[in-house]
Amino acid sequence: MSAFPFAMIGFDLDGTLVDSNLDLAPSINHALRLAGREEIPAHATRKLIGGGARLMLRRALDLTGGPLPDAEFEEASAAQMAYYETHIADFTTPFPGCLDALDLLAELGCALCVVTNKVERNALKLLDTLGMLDRFHCVIGGDTMGPGRAKPEPDPILEAIYRCGGDGAFAMIGDSSYDVGAARAAGVPSVVLGFGYNDAPARELGADAVIDHFDELVPTLRRMGQPGGS
């Protein structure tokens, strides 16, 4: 069998590695209650995820009456974050096949990393709580690179490549336009998970490939790494 074509693989976190909506939804609804707004059912909050917690809250507020004044928004955002940090992994689990795919990629010699718009401390806490942290060479959060430098900017991916040694090809695995946009800006290929928290139909996000189960990931990456592969 030919050598695996990618040396480094980056993964988004929420909606890619883990199904976290059942913990994110209560945190959003906690903030909405404090703001005097109606709660949003979990199937609806799933569609709000992407771009980080603050953007998720702004989307929820838009659905329930519109923006809050700045001071009230900051209070609601702080309450959301505090609630989520306390309940970060009550119901969150890796997606089916995720851990097996990570193990196989590690066996193939890939350096694995997380590139998420979740704040770094919560990404680290969640992965550690789930017993997944030691699988990754590094974790880049939405605040790691500083304001304005989260996905879809290329900076987090370029930093991940640097921390993984910068030797060999990199592929980004995600579920949203933020992941595809960051990959494109960084000049690396991307794979979208069709079962994730897609902010547009998965096959319209512009990724190099779309998969519907983690079992498809390694074969898809092999195919992408071949001349003319896609």
C-alpha atoms as a PDB file:
ATOM      1  CA  MET A   1       0.000   0.000   0.000  1.00  0.00           C
ATOM      2  CA  SER A   2       1.326   3.434  -0.899  1.00  0.00           C
ATOM      3  CA  ALA A   3       2.308   5.903   1.808  1.00  0.00           C
ATOM      4  CA  PHE A   4      -0.515   7.927   3.286  1.00  0.00           C
ATOM      5  CA  PRO A   5      -0.642  11.279   1.461  1.00  0.00           C
ATOM      6  CA  PHE A   6      -1.236  13.553   4.480  1.00  0.00           C
ATOM      7  CA  ALA A   7       1.162  14.085   7.374  1.00  0.00           C
ATOM      8  CA  MET A   8      -1.066  16.424   9.379  1.00  0.00           C
ATOM      9  CA  ILE A   9      -4.828  16.407   9.860  1.00  0.00           C
ATOM     10  CA  GLY A  10      -6.771  19.240  11.486  1.00  0.00           C
ATOM     11  CA  PHE A  11     -10.241  18.753  12.956  1.00  0.00           C
ATOM     12  CA  ASP A  12     -12.945  21.186  13.899  1.00  0.00           C
ATOM     13  CA  LEU A  13     -14.515  20.272  17.255  1.00  0.00           C
ATOM     14  CA  ASP A  14     -18.257  20.965  17.662  1.00  0.00           C
ATOM     15  CA  GLY A  15     -20.192  19.214  14.927  1.00  0.00           C
ATOM     16  CA  THR A  16     -17.069  17.458  13.654  1.00  0.00           C
ATOM     17  CA  LEU A  17     -15.356  15.438  16.361  1.00  0.00           C
ATOM     18  CA  VAL A  18     -18.183  15.641  18.870  1.00  0.00           C
ATOM     19  CA  ASP A  19     -21.942  16.025  18.979  1.00  0.00           C
ATOM     20  CA  SER A  20     -22.169  18.802  21.555  1.00  0.00           C
ATOM     21  CA  ASN A  21     -25.538  20.376  20.803  1.00  0.00           C
ATOM     22  CA  LEU A  22     -27.243  18.850  23.849  1.00  0.00           C
ATOM     23  CA  ASP A  23     -24.797  20.762  26.071  1.00  0.00           C
ATOM     24  CA  LEU A  24     -24.603  23.936  23.979  1.00  0.00           C
ATOM     25  CA  ALA A  25     -28.406  24.268  23.746  1.00  0.00           C
ATOM     26  CA  PRO A  26     -28.990  24.530  27.529  1.00  0.00           C
ATOM     27  CA  SER A  27     -26.263  27.173  27.817  1.00  0.00           C
ATOM     28  CA  ILE A  28     -27.931  29.263  25.127  1.00  0.00           C
ATOM     29  CA  ASN A  29     -31.339  28.873  26.743  1.00  0.00           C
ATOM     30  CA  HIS A  30     -29.899  29.819  30.132  1.00  0.00           C
ATOM     31  CA  ALA A  31     -28.704  33.106  28.640  1.00  0.00           C
ATOM     32  CA  LEU A  32     -32.008  33.654  26.846  1.00  0.00           C
ATOM     33  CA  ARG A  33     -33.973  33.149  30.068  1.00  0.00           C
ATOM     34  CA  LEU A  34     -31.825  35.730  31.846  1.00  0.00           C
ATOM     35  CA  ALA A  35     -32.489  38.142  28.995  1.00  0.00           C
ATOM     36  CA  GLY A  36     -36.237  37.566  29.262  1.00  0.00           C
ATOM     37  CA  ARG A  37     -36.422  35.705  25.964  1.00  0.00           C
ATOM     38  CA  GLU A  38     -38.167  32.495  24.973  1.00  0.00           C
ATOM     39  CA  GLU A  39     -36.107  29.320  24.871  1.00  0.00           C
ATOM     40  CA  ILE A  40     -35.145  27.628  21.608  1.00  0.00           C
ATOM     41  CA  PRO A  41     -35.613  23.856  21.165  1.00  0.00           C
ATOM     42  CA  ALA A  42     -32.477  21.764  20.777  1.00  0.00           C
ATOM     43  CA  HIS A  43     -33.175  20.894  17.142  1.00  0.00           C
ATOM     44  CA  ALA A  44     -33.131  24.632  16.383  1.00  0.00           C
ATOM     45  CA  THR A  45     -30.013  25.497  18.377  1.00  0.00           C
ATOM     46  CA  ARG A  46     -28.115  22.908  16.312  1.00  0.00           C
ATOM     47  CA  LYS A  47     -28.470  25.284  13.371  1.00  0.00           C
ATOM     48  CA  LEU A  48     -26.962  28.178  15.351  1.00  0.00           C
ATOM     49  CA  ILE A  49     -23.602  26.515  16.070  1.00  0.00           C
ATOM     50  CA  GLY A  50     -20.535  27.755  14.241  1.00  0.00           C
ATOM     51  CA  GLY A  51     -18.232  30.728  14.593  1.00  0.00           C
ATOM     52  CA  GLY A  52     -17.927  30.586  18.380  1.00  0.00           C
ATOM     53  CA  ALA A  53     -20.180  31.014  21.399  1.00  0.00           C
ATOM     54  CA  ARG A  54     -20.746  34.753  21.056  1.00  0.00           C
ATOM     55  CA  LEU A  55     -21.933  34.454  17.475  1.00  0.00           C
ATOM     56  CA  MET A  56     -24.157  31.538  18.465  1.00  0.00           C
ATOM     57  CA  LEU A  57     -25.767  33.726  21.136  1.00  0.00           C
ATOM     58  CA  ARG A  58     -26.232  36.612  18.693  1.00  0.00           C
ATOM     59  CA  ARG A  59     -28.047  34.265  16.308  1.00  0.00           C
ATOM     60  CA  ALA A  60     -30.274  33.038  19.145  1.00  0.00           C
ATOM     61  CA  LEU A  61     -31.120  36.607  20.117  1.00  0.00           C
ATOM     62  CA  ASP A  62     -31.974  37.456  16.522  1.00  0.00           C
ATOM     63  CA  LEU A  63     -34.470  34.575  16.538  1.00  0.00           C
ATOM     64  CA  THR A  64     -36.093  35.671  19.794  1.00  0.00           C
ATOM     65  CA  GLY A  65     -36.514  39.405  19.413  1.00  0.00           C
ATOM     66  CA  GLY A  66     -33.313  40.942  18.125  1.00  0.00           C
ATOM     67  CA  PRO A  67     -30.008  42.204  19.548  1.00  0.00           C
ATOM     68  CA  LEU A  68     -29.507  43.274  23.125  1.00  0.00           C
ATOM     69  CA  PRO A  69     -27.793  46.515  24.179  1.00  0.00           C
ATOM     70  CA  ASP A  70     -24.059  45.957  24.514  1.00  0.00           C
ATOM     71  CA  ALA A  71     -23.976  45.777  28.317  1.00  0.00           C
ATOM     72  CA  GLU A  72     -26.875  43.326  28.437  1.00  0.00           C
ATOM     73  CA  PHE A  73     -25.310  41.216  25.715  1.00  0.00           C
ATOM     74  CA  GLU A  74     -22.050  40.984  27.644  1.00  0.00           C
ATOM     75  CA  GLU A  75     -23.950  39.925  30.764  1.00  0.00           C
ATOM     76  CA  ALA A  76     -25.870  37.270  28.829  1.00  0.00           C
ATOM     77  CA  SER A  77     -22.692  36.066  27.117  1.00  0.00           C
ATOM     78  CA  ALA A  78     -20.874  35.715  30.433  1.00  0.00           C
ATOM     79  CA  ALA A  79     -23.818  33.780  31.878  1.00  0.00           C
ATOM     80  CA  GLN A  80     -23.901  31.508  28.851  1.00  0.00           C
ATOM     81  CA  MET A  81     -20.188  30.772  29.127  1.00  0.00           C
ATOM     82  CA  ALA A  82     -20.302  30.127  32.880  1.00  0.00           C
ATOM     83  CA  TYR A  83     -23.219  27.722  32.473  1.00  0.00           C
ATOM     84  CA  TYR A  84     -21.556  25.891  29.608  1.00  0.00           C
ATOM     85  CA  GLU A  85     -18.240  25.505  31.422  1.00  0.00           C
ATOM     86  CA  THR A  86     -20.092  23.861  34.322  1.00  0.00           C
ATOM     87  CA  HIS A  87     -22.003  21.492  32.021  1.00  0.00           C
ATOM     88  CA  ILE A  88     -19.465  21.113  29.225  1.00  0.00           C
ATOM     89  CA  ALA A  89     -19.772  17.358  28.768  1.00  0.00           C
ATOM     90  CA  ASP A  90     -23.018  16.290  30.419  1.00  0.00           C
ATOM     91  CA  PHE A  91     -24.268  14.836  27.128  1.00  0.00           C
ATOM     92  CA  THR A  92     -21.523  15.498  24.573  1.00  0.00           C
ATOM     93  CA  THR A  93     -20.073  12.418  22.869  1.00  0.00           C
ATOM     94  CA  PRO A  94     -17.765  11.725  19.917  1.00  0.00           C
ATOM     95  CA  PHE A  95     -19.601  11.030  16.683  1.00  0.00           C
ATOM     96  CA  PRO A  96     -19.863   7.366  15.674  1.00  0.00           C
ATOM     97  CA  GLY A  97     -16.598   6.114  14.196  1.00  0.00           C
ATOM     98  CA  CYS A  98     -14.656   9.198  15.289  1.00  0.00           C
ATOM     99  CA  LEU A  99     -12.285   7.528  17.735  1.00  0.00           C
ATOM    100  CA  ASP A 100     -11.580   4.634  15.383  1.00  0.00           C
ATOM    101  CA  ALA A 101     -10.756   7.074  12.580  1.00  0.00           C
ATOM    102  CA  LEU A 102      -8.419   9.036  14.859  1.00  0.00           C
ATOM    103  CA  ASP A 103      -6.661   5.836  15.918  1.00  0.00           C
ATOM    104  CA  LEU A 104      -6.220   4.737  12.317  1.00  0.00           C
ATOM    105  CA  LEU A 105      -4.815   8.100  11.263  1.00  0.00           C
ATOM    106  CA  ALA A 106      -2.380   7.983  14.170  1.00  0.00           C
ATOM    107  CA  GLU A 107      -1.296   4.484  13.105  1.00  0.00           C
ATOM    108  CA  LEU A 108      -0.670   5.889   9.633  1.00  0.00           C
ATOM    109  CA  GLY A 109       1.738   8.405  11.166  1.00  0.00           C
ATOM    110  CA  CYS A 110      -0.439  11.529  10.992  1.00  0.00           C
ATOM    111  CA  ALA A 111      -0.024  14.364  13.468  1.00  0.00           C
ATOM    112  CA  LEU A 112      -3.565  15.220  14.598  1.00  0.00           C
ATOM    113  CA  CYS A 113      -4.687  18.621  15.822  1.00  0.00           C
ATOM    114  CA  VAL A 114      -7.869  20.491  16.679  1.00  0.00           C
ATOM    115  CA  VAL A 115      -8.634  23.798  14.967  1.00  0.00           C
ATOM    116  CA  THR A 116     -11.852  25.179  16.449  1.00  0.00           C
ATOM    117  CA  ASN A 117     -13.591  28.499  17.017  1.00  0.00           C
ATOM    118  CA  LYS A 118     -14.468  27.401  20.565  1.00  0.00           C
ATOM    119  CA  VAL A 119     -12.331  29.324  23.046  1.00  0.00           C
ATOM    120  CA  GLU A 120      -9.138  27.396  23.719  1.00  0.00           C
ATOM    121  CA  ARG A 121      -9.698  26.761  27.418  1.00  0.00           C
ATOM    122  CA  ASN A 122     -13.091  25.179  26.765  1.00  0.00           C
ATOM    123  CA  ALA A 123     -11.784  23.129  23.850  1.00  0.00           C
ATOM    124  CA  LEU A 124      -9.044  21.771  26.098  1.00  0.00           C
ATOM    125  CA  LYS A 125     -11.477  21.145  28.965  1.00  0.00           C
ATOM    126  CA  LEU A 126     -13.980  19.340  26.739  1.00  0.00           C
ATOM    127  CA  LEU A 127     -11.385  17.116  25.091  1.00  0.00           C
ATOM    128  CA  ASP A 128      -9.812  16.319  28.454  1.00  0.00           C
ATOM    129  CA  THR A 129     -13.170  15.503  30.045  1.00  0.00           C
ATOM    130  CA  LEU A 130     -13.961  13.139  27.164  1.00  0.00           C
ATOM    131  CA  GLY A 131     -10.545  11.477  27.433  1.00  0.00           C
ATOM    132  CA  MET A 132      -9.572  12.627  23.937  1.00  0.00           C
ATOM    133  CA  LEU A 133      -6.973  15.308  24.594  1.00  0.00           C
ATOM    134  CA  ASP A 134      -3.891  13.102  24.376  1.00  0.00           C
ATOM    135  CA  ARG A 135      -4.790  12.123  20.809  1.00  0.00           C
ATOM    136  CA  PHE A 136      -3.901  15.601  19.526  1.00  0.00           C
ATOM    137  CA  HIS A 137      -0.565  17.248  18.928  1.00  0.00           C
ATOM    138  CA  CYS A 138      -2.050  20.688  19.575  1.00  0.00           C
ATOM    139  CA  VAL A 139      -5.356  22.509  20.086  1.00  0.00           C
ATOM    140  CA  ILE A 140      -5.938  25.889  18.429  1.00  0.00           C
ATOM    141  CA  GLY A 141      -8.999  27.750  19.737  1.00  0.00           C
ATOM    142  CA  GLY A 142     -10.947  30.661  18.405  1.00  0.00           C
ATOM    143  CA  ASP A 143      -9.064  33.036  20.701  1.00  0.00           C
ATOM    144  CA  THR A 144      -5.602  31.456  20.384  1.00  0.00           C
ATOM    145  CA  MET A 145      -4.410  33.703  17.567  1.00  0.00           C
ATOM    146  CA  GLY A 146      -6.021  36.889  18.869  1.00  0.00           C
ATOM    147  CA  PRO A 147      -9.034  38.997  17.824  1.00  0.00           C
ATOM    148  CA  GLY A 148     -10.086  38.705  14.207  1.00  0.00           C
ATOM    149  CA  ARG A 149      -7.852  35.720  13.478  1.00  0.00           C
ATOM    150  CA  ALA A 150     -10.202  32.775  13.991  1.00  0.00           C
ATOM    151  CA  LYS A 151     -11.644  30.688  11.144  1.00  0.00           C
ATOM    152  CA  PRO A 152     -12.418  31.488   8.330  1.00  0.00           C
ATOM    153  CA  GLU A 153      -9.101  33.329   8.495  1.00  0.00           C
ATOM    154  CA  PRO A 154      -6.149  31.040   7.660  1.00  0.00           C
ATOM    155  CA  ASP A 155      -4.179  31.871  10.816  1.00  0.00           C
ATOM    156  CA  PRO A 156      -5.353  28.949  13.020  1.00  0.00           C
ATOM    157  CA  ILE A 157      -4.563  26.391  10.337  1.00  0.00           C
ATOM    158  CA  LEU A 158      -1.166  27.913   9.620  1.00  0.00           C
ATOM    159  CA  GLU A 159      -0.398  27.864  13.354  1.00  0.00           C
ATOM    160  CA  ALA A 160      -1.482  24.230  13.590  1.00  0.00           C
ATOM    161  CA  ILE A 161       0.812  23.333  10.691  1.00  0.00           C
ATOM    162  CA  TYR A 162       3.675  25.114  12.452  1.00  0.00           C
ATOM    163  CA  ARG A 163       3.017  23.347  15.766  1.00  0.00           C
ATOM    164  CA  CYS A 164       2.783  19.979  14.034  1.00  0.00           C
ATOM    165  CA  GLY A 165       6.237  20.472  12.555  1.00  0.00           C
ATOM    166  CA  GLY A 166       5.282  21.898   9.175  1.00  0.00           C
ATOM    167  CA  ASP A 167       6.582  18.866   7.293  1.00  0.00           C
ATOM    168  CA  GLY A 168       4.202  17.338   4.752  1.00  0.00           C
ATOM    169  CA  ALA A 169       0.668  17.881   3.526  1.00  0.00           C
ATOM    170  CA  PHE A 170      -2.193  19.080   5.748  1.00  0.00           C
ATOM    171  CA  ALA A 171      -5.944  18.474   5.385  1.00  0.00           C
ATOM    172  CA  MET A 172      -8.739  20.185   7.311  1.00  0.00           C
ATOM    173  CA  ILE A 173     -11.811  18.229   8.448  1.00  0.00           C
ATOM    174  CA  GLY A 174     -14.893  20.229   9.432  1.00  0.00           C
ATOM    175  CA  ASP A 175     -18.589  20.787   8.997  1.00  0.00           C
ATOM    176  CA  SER A 176     -19.093  24.438   8.086  1.00  0.00           C
ATOM    177  CA  SER A 177     -18.197  27.328   5.833  1.00  0.00           C
ATOM    178  CA  TYR A 178     -15.765  28.505   8.516  1.00  0.00           C
ATOM    179  CA  ASP A 179     -13.697  25.337   8.088  1.00  0.00           C
ATOM    180  CA  VAL A 180     -13.820  25.330   4.294  1.00  0.00           C
ATOM    181  CA  GLY A 181     -13.048  29.046   4.117  1.00  0.00           C
ATOM    182  CA  ALA A 182     -10.082  28.751   6.463  1.00  0.00           C
ATOM    183  CA  ALA A 183      -8.723  25.781   4.517  1.00  0.00           C
ATOM    184  CA  ARG A 184      -9.079  27.604   1.228  1.00  0.00           C
ATOM    185  CA  ALA A 185      -7.378  30.707   2.637  1.00  0.00           C
ATOM    186  CA  ALA A 186      -4.525  28.562   3.977  1.00  0.00           C
ATOM    187  CA  GLY A 187      -4.152  26.719   0.669  1.00  0.00           C
ATOM    188  CA  VAL A 188      -4.998  23.252   2.020  1.00  0.00           C
ATOM    189  CA  PRO A 189      -7.736  20.766   1.073  1.00  0.00           C
ATOM    190  CA  SER A 190     -10.825  20.219   3.193  1.00  0.00           C
ATOM    191  CA  VAL A 191     -13.361  17.502   3.925  1.00  0.00           C
ATOM    192  CA  VAL A 192     -16.867  18.304   5.189  1.00  0.00           C
ATOM    193  CA  LEU A 193     -18.890  15.928   7.348  1.00  0.00           C
ATOM    194  CA  GLY A 194     -22.433  15.751   6.057  1.00  0.00           C
ATOM    195  CA  PHE A 195     -23.765  14.831   9.508  1.00  0.00           C
ATOM    196  CA  GLY A 196     -22.272  17.870  11.249  1.00  0.00           C
ATOM    197  CA  TYR A 197     -23.713  21.277  12.074  1.00  0.00           C
ATOM    198  CA  ASN A 198     -23.608  22.390   8.444  1.00  0.00           C
ATOM    199  CA  ASP A 199     -24.466  26.076   7.944  1.00  0.00           C
ATOM    200  CA  ALA A 200     -25.372  25.311   4.318  1.00  0.00           C
ATOM    201  CA  PRO A 201     -26.031  22.042   2.486  1.00  0.00           C
ATOM    202  CA  ALA A 202     -22.823  20.049   2.897  1.00  0.00           C
ATOM    203  CA  ARG A 203     -22.265  19.569  -0.820  1.00  0.00           C
ATOM    204  CA  GLU A 204     -22.626  23.298  -1.426  1.00  0.00           C
ATOM    205  CA  LEU A 205     -19.922  24.381   1.035  1.00  0.00           C
ATOM    206  CA  GLY A 206     -17.142  24.001  -1.531  1.00  0.00           C
ATOM    207  CA  ALA A 207     -15.014  21.385   0.236  1.00  0.00           C
ATOM    208  CA  ASP A 208     -12.826  18.994  -1.724  1.00  0.00           C
ATOM    209  CA  ALA A 209     -14.912  16.072  -0.436  1.00  0.00           C
ATOM    210  CA  VAL A 210     -18.000  15.328   1.656  1.00  0.00           C
ATOM    211  CA  ILE A 211     -18.404  12.209   3.783  1.00  0.00           C
ATOM    212  CA  ASP A 212     -21.405  10.867   5.671  1.00  0.00           C
ATOM    213  CA  HIS A 213     -19.621   8.684   8.261  1.00  0.00           C
ATOM    214  CA  PHE A 214     -16.167   8.668   9.828  1.00  0.00           C
ATOM    215  CA  ASP A 215     -15.551   5.257   8.255  1.00  0.00           C
ATOM    216  CA  GLU A 216     -15.203   7.108   4.946  1.00  0.00           C
ATOM    217  CA  LEU A 217     -12.530   9.530   6.138  1.00  0.00           C
ATOM    218  CA  VAL A 218      -9.300   7.588   5.597  1.00  0.00           C
ATOM    219  CA  PRO A 219     -10.305   6.202   2.165  1.00  0.00           C
ATOM    220  CA  THR A 220     -11.405   9.692   1.119  1.00  0.00           C
ATOM    221  CA  LEU A 221      -8.104  11.244   2.198  1.00  0.00           C
ATOM    222  CA  ARG A 222      -6.205   8.533   0.318  1.00  0.00           C
ATOM    223  CA  ARG A 223      -8.177   9.316  -2.811  1.00  0.00           C
ATOM    224  CA  MET A 224      -7.692  13.071  -2.397  1.00  0.00           C
ATOM    225  CA  GLY A 225      -3.946  12.573  -2.138  1.00  0.00           C
ATOM    226  CA  GLN A 226      -3.692  10.842  -5.498  1.00  0.00           C
ATOM    227  CA  PRO A 227      -2.984  12.823  -8.683  1.00  0.00           C
ATOM    228  CA  GLY A 228      -6.308  14.193  -9.831  1.00  0.00           C
ATOM    229  CA  GLY A 229      -8.016  12.845  -6.701  1.00  0.00           C
ATOM    230  CA  SER A 230     -11.099  14.493  -5.258  1.00  0.00           C
END
